[in-house]
Amino acid sequence: MATSKEVTSRVRAARTSKRADKSSQNFMERLPSEILIKILSYLDASALFSISHVNKLFYQLASDNALWNKIYIAEFGKNKKSKPKSKNMDDELLLKMATVDLQDCAAGYWKWLFFKTVAACDMNKWKRHLGLINRHTGLPSQTERVLRNLHVTWELTVSDKSGREGTLELSWSHFCETSVSLCWSGGGWLPNYQQISTLQLYGVRRIALSCPGLKKPGWRSLMAKIDVQTLTKSVQVIGQDRLVELKLLQPGIIISTWKDQCSVAFIMFTLHFHKLVERSIQGSSVCPYVEPLVKPPFDDIDPEFGLHGYQLHIVLHNTACKLMSGSFSQLFCRKTQICDGLIQLNAISRTNLSQHTPLSGNITLPWKCEALQGNTENCCIMSLTLLDEFKKPFWCVSSPVSMKLEKTTVSYDYDGEHFLIHYLDSDGQLLQVSSYLGCLGQQRRIQQVISIATTVHL
């Protein structure tokens, strides 16, 4: 057992150590800013950004325009004279801004310009990969690769009725063929489902720096702002198990609550790949990226034939694996079938067995939330991509859906259960998707037969 003298000496030693740390900190703060900036001038961009997180003084000093101007010139100035004039307007703007006098710049201007230029160079490097189009989906085949290499992630800001808000880091993500599923679980922080006011989804692009343990610099792009209170009346429960209940807030957005409770287990978004890179990084913190409006062209050669050459790509998957993928071309709609700006396209016929596509795996939607996980049966994620006659995406959908058991007449081709998917949104609707589960001998064979009538706005 320590004596009173030993305890006293330990306390004094601790106080002495604290005083030494405090005195050394005061010594640094007493140094003239010119000397501190001279010391910081020997650091590279990563170290300078890291030291800006020490305190307010070092944040101000590490944002000095002269320091970042030197780093910018060292990194990009050598290639300015030898490089021809850029055709890219963003590059031209950055080069013009680089000639601005240091005295005329706001604090932190050159720091912002450095990271902005690094981001632009990386984007130009990966733009050509977005030009590699998959002939089945009509989408860039390297979307996932580009998002990962540009260090893009997503954040969710949740606000409650009292005005309090918090931002959640992404818990997990799952990429599929034409979409990505994102999930956030906030433990005990998330407010009750009835108290949630708004959800704001942001795409966040981080700049890769060698500063482990610190948050990388980046920019936020608003992708969606959902007023939860106005949507609660139309919420549809699409699945449940013994732990959670899945509420479809609107197509693509699920709020999961614990069974028989109002507390939120997790929030999940499903995002279609169409313009996902642009939506994730090219919007501002208050305004989302605006996609150019594309209208389908009419065919005036044959008045009876109307619109033709459309192609539908459909993927059924969950948060773990792909269940089914199929592409159906040469879809058309006669002009007599166009009504109130809507066109109807029949993609798959029940009677045409050559169009039947195998369905692999169980129809479930796995979920995981911190230490708990489970499966909701008869629920999956549906991703649709409708291409016009020029193979350009015209209608893109990615949303969790429920598959309900359907009573049908006896089929001589399949012996099993029949399921029905009914999907509807403001742009189009999927009238019917039927799934036949059959047995062949001793092996279980799962076959997907779909009768789709897609109705979309012109």
Protein backbone atom coordinates (compact mmCIF):
# COMPACT_ATOMS: atom_id res chain seq x y z
CA MET A 1 0.00 0.00 0.00
CA ALA A 2 1.44 3.40 -1.00
CA THR A 3 2.33 5.84 1.76
CA SER A 4 1.07 9.41 1.86
CA LYS A 5 4.50 10.71 0.78
CA GLU A 6 4.49 8.42 -2.27
CA VAL A 7 1.00 9.54 -3.24
CA THR A 8 1.99 13.17 -2.84
CA SER A 9 5.10 12.73 -4.99
CA ARG A 10 3.08 11.02 -7.74
CA VAL A 11 0.53 13.83 -7.74
CA ARG A 12 3.28 16.41 -7.89
CA ALA A 13 4.97 14.55 -10.73
CA ALA A 14 1.71 14.45 -12.69
CA ARG A 15 1.17 18.16 -12.09
CA THR A 16 4.74 18.88 -13.17
CA SER A 17 4.22 16.88 -16.37
CA LYS A 18 1.00 18.76 -17.14
CA ARG A 19 2.72 22.06 -16.49
CA ALA A 20 5.55 21.01 -18.80
CA ASP A 21 3.11 20.10 -21.59
CA LYS A 22 1.22 23.33 -21.06
CA SER A 23 4.40 25.39 -21.00
CA SER A 24 5.64 23.79 -24.20
CA GLN A 25 2.28 24.50 -25.82
CA ASN A 26 2.42 28.09 -24.58
CA PHE A 27 5.97 28.33 -25.90
CA MET A 28 4.77 27.31 -29.38
CA GLU A 29 1.94 29.81 -29.21
CA ARG A 30 4.32 32.56 -28.09
CA LEU A 31 6.48 32.09 -31.19
CA PRO A 32 5.92 34.66 -33.93
CA SER A 33 3.63 33.48 -36.71
CA GLU A 34 6.41 34.09 -39.25
CA ILE A 35 8.61 31.49 -37.54
CA LEU A 36 5.77 28.98 -37.28
CA ILE A 37 4.91 29.43 -40.96
CA LYS A 38 8.59 28.96 -41.83
CA ILE A 39 8.54 25.64 -39.94
CA LEU A 40 5.31 24.58 -41.66
CA SER A 41 6.78 25.44 -45.08
CA TYR A 42 8.88 22.24 -44.91
CA LEU A 43 5.76 20.04 -44.77
CA ASP A 44 4.00 18.42 -47.73
CA ALA A 45 0.26 18.63 -48.41
CA SER A 46 -0.63 15.58 -46.31
CA ALA A 47 1.35 16.70 -43.26
CA LEU A 48 0.12 20.27 -43.57
CA PHE A 49 -3.49 19.13 -43.73
CA SER A 50 -2.94 16.81 -40.74
CA ILE A 51 -1.42 19.48 -38.53
CA SER A 52 -4.35 21.80 -39.22
CA HIS A 53 -6.43 19.55 -36.92
CA VAL A 54 -4.28 20.29 -33.83
CA ASN A 55 -6.03 23.50 -32.73
CA LYS A 56 -7.44 26.76 -34.07
CA LEU A 57 -4.03 28.42 -34.25
CA PHE A 58 -2.51 25.68 -36.39
CA TYR A 59 -5.66 25.52 -38.51
CA GLN A 60 -5.24 29.19 -39.38
CA LEU A 61 -1.50 28.90 -39.95
CA ALA A 62 -1.83 25.69 -42.00
CA SER A 63 -4.32 27.42 -44.29
CA ASP A 64 -1.87 30.18 -45.20
CA ASN A 65 -2.11 31.05 -48.89
CA ALA A 66 1.67 31.35 -49.34
CA LEU A 67 2.22 27.79 -48.09
CA TRP A 68 -0.42 26.27 -50.36
CA ASN A 69 0.63 28.43 -53.31
CA LYS A 70 4.12 26.95 -53.03
CA ILE A 71 2.69 23.41 -52.86
CA TYR A 72 0.36 24.12 -55.81
CA ILE A 73 3.18 25.47 -58.00
CA ALA A 74 5.43 22.55 -57.10
CA GLU A 75 2.71 20.04 -57.98
CA PHE A 76 1.09 21.59 -61.06
CA GLY A 77 3.17 24.59 -62.13
CA LYS A 78 5.87 22.60 -63.96
CA ASN A 79 3.46 21.27 -66.55
CA LYS A 80 1.61 24.53 -67.26
CA LYS A 81 3.97 25.84 -69.98
CA SER A 82 4.52 22.54 -71.73
CA LYS A 83 0.89 21.47 -71.62
CA PRO A 84 -1.35 22.73 -74.45
CA LYS A 85 -4.42 24.81 -73.65
CA SER A 86 -7.02 22.60 -72.06
CA LYS A 87 -10.32 22.09 -73.82
CA ASN A 88 -11.99 21.40 -70.52
CA MET A 89 -13.64 24.55 -69.13
CA ASP A 90 -12.93 23.49 -65.54
CA ASP A 91 -9.22 23.16 -66.30
CA GLU A 92 -9.15 26.57 -68.01
CA LEU A 93 -10.88 28.15 -65.01
CA LEU A 94 -8.39 26.60 -62.60
CA LEU A 95 -5.44 27.83 -64.65
CA LYS A 96 -6.83 31.36 -64.70
CA MET A 97 -7.45 31.27 -60.96
CA ALA A 98 -3.86 30.14 -60.41
CA THR A 99 -2.60 33.56 -61.61
CA VAL A 100 -4.50 35.52 -58.95
CA ASP A 101 -2.32 37.63 -56.67
CA LEU A 102 -1.86 36.15 -53.20
CA GLN A 103 -2.87 39.41 -51.53
CA ASP A 104 -6.23 39.39 -53.28
CA CYS A 105 -7.11 35.84 -52.18
CA ALA A 106 -9.35 34.98 -49.27
CA ALA A 107 -7.93 32.92 -46.43
CA GLY A 108 -7.60 29.27 -47.43
CA TYR A 109 -8.11 30.01 -51.14
CA TRP A 110 -4.97 28.22 -52.34
CA LYS A 111 -5.65 25.28 -50.05
CA TRP A 112 -9.09 24.92 -51.65
CA LEU A 113 -7.60 25.39 -55.13
CA PHE A 114 -5.01 22.65 -54.56
CA PHE A 115 -7.58 20.03 -53.54
CA LYS A 116 -9.97 21.19 -56.28
CA THR A 117 -7.25 20.71 -58.90
CA VAL A 118 -6.29 17.29 -57.52
CA ALA A 119 -9.95 16.27 -57.73
CA ALA A 120 -10.26 17.57 -61.31
CA CYS A 121 -7.16 15.66 -62.42
CA ASP A 122 -8.48 12.44 -60.91
CA MET A 123 -11.88 12.97 -62.54
CA ASN A 124 -10.34 13.54 -65.98
CA LYS A 125 -8.32 10.35 -65.50
CA TRP A 126 -11.44 8.27 -64.83
CA LYS A 127 -13.83 9.96 -67.27
CA ARG A 128 -12.78 7.69 -70.10
CA HIS A 129 -13.79 4.65 -68.04
CA LEU A 130 -17.35 6.03 -67.88
CA GLY A 131 -17.39 5.91 -71.68
CA LEU A 132 -17.21 2.10 -71.69
CA ILE A 133 -20.91 1.27 -72.12
CA ASN A 134 -22.39 -2.16 -71.47
CA ARG A 135 -24.44 -3.13 -74.53
CA HIS A 136 -27.04 -4.95 -72.40
CA THR A 137 -27.67 -2.28 -69.78
CA GLY A 138 -26.76 0.89 -71.70
CA LEU A 139 -24.88 2.01 -68.56
CA PRO A 140 -21.14 2.59 -67.97
CA SER A 141 -19.70 -0.82 -67.21
CA GLN A 142 -17.04 0.63 -64.89
CA THR A 143 -19.34 2.59 -62.57
CA GLU A 144 -18.35 0.72 -59.41
CA ARG A 145 -14.65 0.94 -60.26
CA VAL A 146 -14.83 4.68 -60.92
CA LEU A 147 -16.70 5.36 -57.65
CA ARG A 148 -14.15 3.38 -55.65
CA ASN A 149 -11.12 4.96 -57.32
CA LEU A 150 -12.54 8.46 -56.86
CA HIS A 151 -12.99 7.64 -53.14
CA VAL A 152 -16.72 8.37 -53.24
CA THR A 153 -18.84 7.48 -50.25
CA TRP A 154 -22.28 8.50 -49.00
CA GLU A 155 -23.53 10.16 -45.81
CA LEU A 156 -27.02 10.48 -44.39
CA THR A 157 -28.19 13.50 -42.39
CA VAL A 158 -31.22 12.81 -40.20
CA SER A 159 -33.30 15.64 -38.69
CA ASP A 160 -36.03 15.29 -36.10
CA LYS A 161 -39.07 17.48 -35.38
CA SER A 162 -37.21 19.52 -32.77
CA GLY A 163 -34.64 20.62 -35.35
CA ARG A 164 -31.80 18.49 -34.04
CA GLU A 165 -29.82 16.75 -36.77
CA GLY A 166 -26.95 14.34 -37.04
CA THR A 167 -24.89 12.91 -39.87
CA LEU A 168 -24.29 9.15 -40.09
CA GLU A 169 -21.31 7.50 -41.73
CA LEU A 170 -22.12 4.64 -44.08
CA SER A 171 -22.43 1.31 -42.22
CA TRP A 172 -22.17 -0.96 -45.28
CA SER A 173 -22.75 -1.02 -49.02
CA HIS A 174 -23.39 -3.72 -51.62
CA PHE A 175 -22.82 -3.24 -55.34
CA CYS A 176 -24.86 -5.24 -57.82
CA GLU A 177 -25.03 -5.25 -61.62
CA THR A 178 -26.90 -1.96 -62.08
CA SER A 179 -27.35 -0.55 -58.56
CA VAL A 180 -25.82 -0.14 -55.13
CA SER A 181 -27.50 -0.67 -51.75
CA LEU A 182 -26.49 1.63 -48.87
CA CYS A 183 -27.29 1.15 -45.19
CA TRP A 184 -26.94 3.30 -42.07
CA SER A 185 -27.52 2.14 -38.50
CA GLY A 186 -27.03 4.65 -35.73
CA GLY A 187 -27.38 2.52 -32.63
CA GLY A 188 -29.20 4.56 -30.00
CA TRP A 189 -28.68 7.90 -31.74
CA LEU A 190 -31.38 7.66 -34.40
CA PRO A 191 -34.66 9.28 -33.31
CA ASN A 192 -37.89 7.30 -33.26
CA TYR A 193 -39.52 6.73 -36.61
CA GLN A 194 -42.41 9.06 -35.73
CA GLN A 195 -39.98 11.84 -34.77
CA ILE A 196 -37.93 11.85 -37.99
CA SER A 197 -38.55 15.02 -39.98
CA THR A 198 -36.21 14.88 -43.00
CA LEU A 199 -33.58 12.64 -44.56
CA GLN A 200 -30.79 14.15 -46.66
CA LEU A 201 -28.55 11.89 -48.74
CA TYR A 202 -25.12 13.26 -49.70
CA GLY A 203 -22.49 11.91 -52.01
CA VAL A 204 -19.07 12.65 -50.51
CA ARG A 205 -15.84 12.60 -52.45
CA ARG A 206 -12.67 12.27 -50.40
CA ILE A 207 -9.20 13.30 -51.57
CA ALA A 208 -6.69 10.53 -50.83
CA LEU A 209 -3.91 11.76 -48.53
CA SER A 210 -1.33 9.87 -46.50
CA CYS A 211 -2.74 11.00 -43.16
CA PRO A 212 -4.12 7.90 -41.43
CA GLY A 213 -6.63 8.37 -38.66
CA LEU A 214 -7.92 11.68 -39.95
CA LYS A 215 -10.93 12.50 -42.06
CA LYS A 216 -9.85 13.21 -45.63
CA PRO A 217 -10.76 16.54 -47.25
CA GLY A 218 -13.74 16.29 -49.54
CA TRP A 219 -16.92 17.78 -50.96
CA ARG A 220 -20.59 16.96 -50.42
CA SER A 221 -23.17 16.64 -53.18
CA LEU A 222 -26.85 16.66 -52.17
CA MET A 223 -28.57 13.73 -53.88
CA ALA A 224 -31.98 13.60 -52.18
CA LYS A 225 -33.95 15.47 -49.52
CA ILE A 226 -36.97 13.57 -48.24
CA ASP A 227 -39.71 15.06 -46.10
CA VAL A 228 -40.57 12.00 -44.03
CA GLN A 229 -43.65 13.49 -42.37
CA THR A 230 -45.48 14.00 -45.69
CA LEU A 231 -44.80 10.39 -46.73
CA THR A 232 -45.85 8.56 -43.57
CA LYS A 233 -49.46 8.17 -44.74
CA SER A 234 -48.41 6.32 -47.89
CA VAL A 235 -45.77 4.12 -46.27
CA GLN A 236 -46.00 0.47 -47.32
CA VAL A 237 -44.72 -2.44 -45.22
CA ILE A 238 -42.97 -4.67 -47.76
CA GLY A 239 -41.42 -7.23 -45.43
CA GLN A 240 -40.89 -8.32 -41.85
CA ASP A 241 -39.36 -11.02 -39.72
CA ARG A 242 -39.29 -11.72 -36.00
CA LEU A 243 -37.03 -8.70 -35.32
CA VAL A 244 -37.70 -5.91 -37.82
CA GLU A 245 -40.36 -4.43 -40.07
CA LEU A 246 -39.38 -2.89 -43.43
CA LYS A 247 -41.27 0.28 -44.32
CA LEU A 248 -40.97 1.48 -47.93
CA LEU A 249 -40.96 5.26 -47.55
CA GLN A 250 -40.84 5.82 -51.30
CA PRO A 251 -39.26 3.82 -54.16
CA GLY A 252 -35.66 3.09 -53.22
CA ILE A 253 -35.86 4.12 -49.54
CA ILE A 254 -36.51 1.80 -46.59
CA ILE A 255 -36.79 2.69 -42.91
CA SER A 256 -36.59 -0.43 -40.77
CA THR A 257 -38.07 -0.34 -37.29
CA TRP A 258 -37.77 -2.91 -34.54
CA LYS A 259 -40.81 -5.16 -34.36
CA ASP A 260 -43.73 -3.62 -32.47
CA GLN A 261 -41.61 -0.53 -31.67
CA CYS A 262 -41.01 2.94 -33.10
CA SER A 263 -37.24 2.88 -32.71
CA VAL A 264 -35.27 2.71 -35.98
CA ALA A 265 -33.02 -0.27 -36.65
CA PHE A 266 -31.49 0.97 -39.92
CA ILE A 267 -32.17 3.09 -43.00
CA MET A 268 -31.42 1.73 -46.48
CA PHE A 269 -31.21 3.45 -49.87
CA THR A 270 -30.91 1.68 -53.23
CA LEU A 271 -29.36 3.82 -55.98
CA HIS A 272 -29.49 3.03 -59.70
CA PHE A 273 -26.19 3.32 -61.60
CA HIS A 274 -27.63 5.79 -64.14
CA LYS A 275 -25.64 9.05 -63.71
CA LEU A 276 -24.66 7.86 -60.23
CA VAL A 277 -21.11 9.24 -60.48
CA GLU A 278 -22.40 12.65 -61.57
CA ARG A 279 -25.12 12.71 -58.91
CA SER A 280 -22.63 11.72 -56.20
CA ILE A 281 -19.98 14.36 -56.89
CA GLN A 282 -21.27 17.10 -59.22
CA GLY A 283 -24.05 18.56 -57.10
CA SER A 284 -23.57 21.18 -54.39
CA SER A 285 -24.22 20.92 -50.67
CA VAL A 286 -27.66 22.52 -51.16
CA CYS A 287 -28.65 21.60 -54.73
CA PRO A 288 -28.55 18.17 -56.42
CA TYR A 289 -27.10 17.45 -59.84
CA VAL A 290 -29.66 18.21 -62.55
CA GLU A 291 -29.87 15.55 -65.23
CA PRO A 292 -30.65 16.75 -68.77
CA LEU A 293 -34.20 15.88 -69.82
CA VAL A 294 -34.35 13.25 -72.56
CA LYS A 295 -37.52 12.65 -74.57
CA PRO A 296 -38.00 9.56 -76.75
CA PRO A 297 -38.21 10.25 -80.49
CA PHE A 298 -41.29 9.30 -82.51
CA ASP A 299 -41.07 7.13 -85.62
CA ASP A 300 -43.01 8.85 -88.40
CA ILE A 301 -42.15 6.28 -91.06
CA ASP A 302 -44.82 3.80 -90.03
CA PRO A 303 -47.77 5.44 -88.24
CA GLU A 304 -49.05 2.07 -87.02
CA PHE A 305 -45.74 0.91 -85.57
CA GLY A 306 -45.23 3.92 -83.32
CA LEU A 307 -42.27 3.67 -80.93
CA HIS A 308 -39.93 0.74 -81.47
CA GLY A 309 -36.44 -0.56 -80.73
CA TYR A 310 -36.75 -0.25 -76.95
CA GLN A 311 -34.79 -2.59 -74.67
CA LEU A 312 -35.44 -3.58 -71.06
CA HIS A 313 -32.81 -4.91 -68.67
CA ILE A 314 -34.11 -6.30 -65.38
CA VAL A 315 -32.14 -7.49 -62.36
CA LEU A 316 -33.59 -9.07 -59.22
CA HIS A 317 -31.13 -9.20 -56.35
CA ASN A 318 -30.81 -8.75 -52.62
CA THR A 319 -28.13 -7.35 -50.33
CA ALA A 320 -25.97 -10.44 -50.75
CA CYS A 321 -26.28 -11.86 -54.27
CA LYS A 322 -27.99 -11.63 -57.66
CA LEU A 323 -31.16 -13.68 -58.13
CA MET A 324 -31.93 -13.06 -61.78
CA SER A 325 -30.71 -10.94 -64.69
CA GLY A 326 -32.20 -10.65 -68.18
CA SER A 327 -32.22 -8.33 -71.17
CA PHE A 328 -35.16 -8.08 -73.59
CA SER A 329 -34.84 -6.16 -76.86
CA GLN A 330 -37.01 -5.01 -79.75
CA LEU A 331 -39.86 -3.77 -77.56
CA PHE A 332 -42.40 -1.54 -79.27
CA CYS A 333 -45.62 0.32 -78.71
CA ARG A 334 -48.20 1.15 -81.38
CA LYS A 335 -49.42 4.72 -81.58
CA THR A 336 -52.94 3.57 -80.72
CA GLN A 337 -51.55 2.33 -77.38
CA ILE A 338 -50.15 5.75 -76.44
CA CYS A 339 -52.57 7.42 -74.06
CA ASP A 340 -52.13 10.55 -71.93
CA GLY A 341 -48.39 10.58 -72.57
CA LEU A 342 -47.96 6.96 -71.43
CA ILE A 343 -46.57 4.09 -73.47
CA GLN A 344 -47.05 0.41 -72.75
CA LEU A 345 -44.27 -2.08 -73.45
CA ASN A 346 -44.80 -5.83 -73.06
CA ALA A 347 -41.38 -7.26 -72.37
CA ILE A 348 -41.87 -10.93 -71.47
CA SER A 349 -44.64 -13.31 -72.38
CA ARG A 350 -45.87 -16.16 -70.20
CA THR A 351 -46.44 -18.36 -73.24
CA ASN A 352 -42.99 -17.83 -74.79
CA LEU A 353 -40.82 -20.28 -72.86
CA SER A 354 -37.66 -19.14 -74.67
CA GLN A 355 -37.83 -15.89 -72.70
CA HIS A 356 -37.88 -17.63 -69.32
CA THR A 357 -34.83 -16.83 -67.20
CA PRO A 358 -33.48 -18.93 -64.30
CA LEU A 359 -33.79 -17.51 -60.80
CA SER A 360 -31.03 -18.58 -58.40
CA GLY A 361 -31.23 -18.40 -54.62
CA ASN A 362 -34.01 -17.76 -52.14
CA ILE A 363 -36.29 -14.75 -52.43
CA THR A 364 -35.17 -12.99 -49.26
CA LEU A 365 -33.68 -9.64 -48.32
CA PRO A 366 -30.82 -10.16 -45.82
CA TRP A 367 -30.12 -7.31 -43.41
CA LYS A 368 -27.56 -6.61 -40.70
CA CYS A 369 -27.51 -3.99 -38.00
CA GLU A 370 -24.57 -3.79 -35.61
CA ALA A 371 -24.60 -7.14 -33.74
CA LEU A 372 -27.93 -8.37 -35.18
CA GLN A 373 -28.87 -9.74 -38.60
CA GLY A 374 -31.77 -11.49 -40.26
CA ASN A 375 -33.71 -12.26 -43.47
CA THR A 376 -37.05 -10.95 -44.63
CA GLU A 377 -38.75 -13.49 -46.88
CA ASN A 378 -40.60 -12.75 -50.14
CA CYS A 379 -38.71 -9.48 -50.52
CA CYS A 380 -35.90 -8.46 -52.87
CA ILE A 381 -34.50 -5.48 -54.81
CA MET A 382 -35.60 -4.85 -58.38
CA SER A 383 -33.48 -2.79 -60.80
CA LEU A 384 -34.98 -1.87 -64.18
CA THR A 385 -33.23 -0.06 -67.03
CA LEU A 386 -35.34 0.84 -70.07
CA LEU A 387 -33.36 1.97 -73.15
CA ASP A 388 -34.80 3.88 -76.10
CA GLU A 389 -34.12 3.01 -79.75
CA PHE A 390 -30.75 4.79 -79.54
CA LYS A 391 -29.76 2.59 -76.57
CA LYS A 392 -29.90 5.52 -74.14
CA PRO A 393 -31.34 5.07 -70.63
CA PHE A 394 -34.94 6.30 -70.64
CA TRP A 395 -36.47 4.96 -67.42
CA CYS A 396 -34.27 3.72 -64.54
CA VAL A 397 -35.61 2.19 -61.33
CA SER A 398 -33.96 0.55 -58.34
CA SER A 399 -36.11 -0.24 -55.33
CA PRO A 400 -36.89 -2.94 -52.77
CA VAL A 401 -40.13 -4.73 -53.63
CA SER A 402 -42.30 -7.39 -52.05
CA MET A 403 -43.30 -10.64 -53.75
CA LYS A 404 -46.74 -11.84 -52.71
CA LEU A 405 -48.08 -15.36 -53.14
CA GLU A 406 -50.56 -15.51 -56.00
CA LYS A 407 -53.30 -18.04 -56.74
CA THR A 408 -53.18 -19.12 -60.39
CA THR A 409 -54.51 -21.87 -62.57
CA VAL A 410 -52.70 -25.19 -62.84
CA SER A 411 -49.62 -25.07 -65.08
CA TYR A 412 -48.45 -28.16 -66.94
CA ASP A 413 -44.91 -26.77 -67.25
CA TYR A 414 -44.24 -25.92 -63.60
CA ASP A 415 -45.41 -27.24 -60.28
CA GLY A 416 -44.82 -24.74 -57.52
CA GLU A 417 -45.70 -21.40 -56.01
CA HIS A 418 -46.59 -18.27 -57.96
CA PHE A 419 -45.53 -14.81 -56.74
CA LEU A 420 -46.60 -11.33 -57.80
CA ILE A 421 -44.66 -8.04 -57.77
CA HIS A 422 -46.58 -4.81 -58.21
CA TYR A 423 -44.49 -1.67 -58.58
CA LEU A 424 -45.63 1.90 -59.16
CA ASP A 425 -43.94 5.31 -59.16
CA SER A 426 -44.52 8.75 -60.64
CA ASP A 427 -42.73 7.95 -63.93
CA GLY A 428 -43.91 4.44 -64.65
CA GLN A 429 -45.32 1.23 -63.34
CA LEU A 430 -44.59 -2.46 -63.53
CA LEU A 431 -47.93 -4.19 -63.71
CA GLN A 432 -47.02 -7.80 -63.14
CA VAL A 433 -44.07 -10.03 -62.38
CA SER A 434 -44.90 -13.67 -61.76
CA SER A 435 -42.41 -16.20 -60.46
CA TYR A 436 -42.87 -19.97 -60.77
CA LEU A 437 -41.00 -22.24 -58.39
CA GLY A 438 -40.93 -25.78 -59.72
CA CYS A 439 -39.38 -29.17 -59.02
CA LEU A 440 -37.72 -31.41 -61.58
CA GLY A 441 -36.96 -34.92 -60.32
CA GLN A 442 -34.90 -34.90 -57.14
CA GLN A 443 -33.30 -31.53 -57.92
CA ARG A 444 -35.06 -28.32 -57.04
CA ARG A 445 -35.28 -26.13 -60.09
CA ILE A 446 -36.28 -22.49 -59.71
CA GLN A 447 -37.51 -20.87 -62.90
CA GLN A 448 -38.42 -17.23 -63.43
CA VAL A 449 -41.33 -16.47 -65.74
CA ILE A 450 -42.18 -12.81 -66.01
CA SER A 451 -45.13 -11.10 -67.63
CA ILE A 452 -44.26 -7.43 -67.66
CA ALA A 453 -46.29 -4.50 -68.90
CA THR A 454 -44.24 -1.38 -68.29
CA THR A 455 -46.04 1.93 -68.58
CA VAL A 456 -43.83 5.01 -68.68
CA HIS A 457 -44.32 8.73 -69.30
CA LEU A 458 -43.19 10.22 -72.59
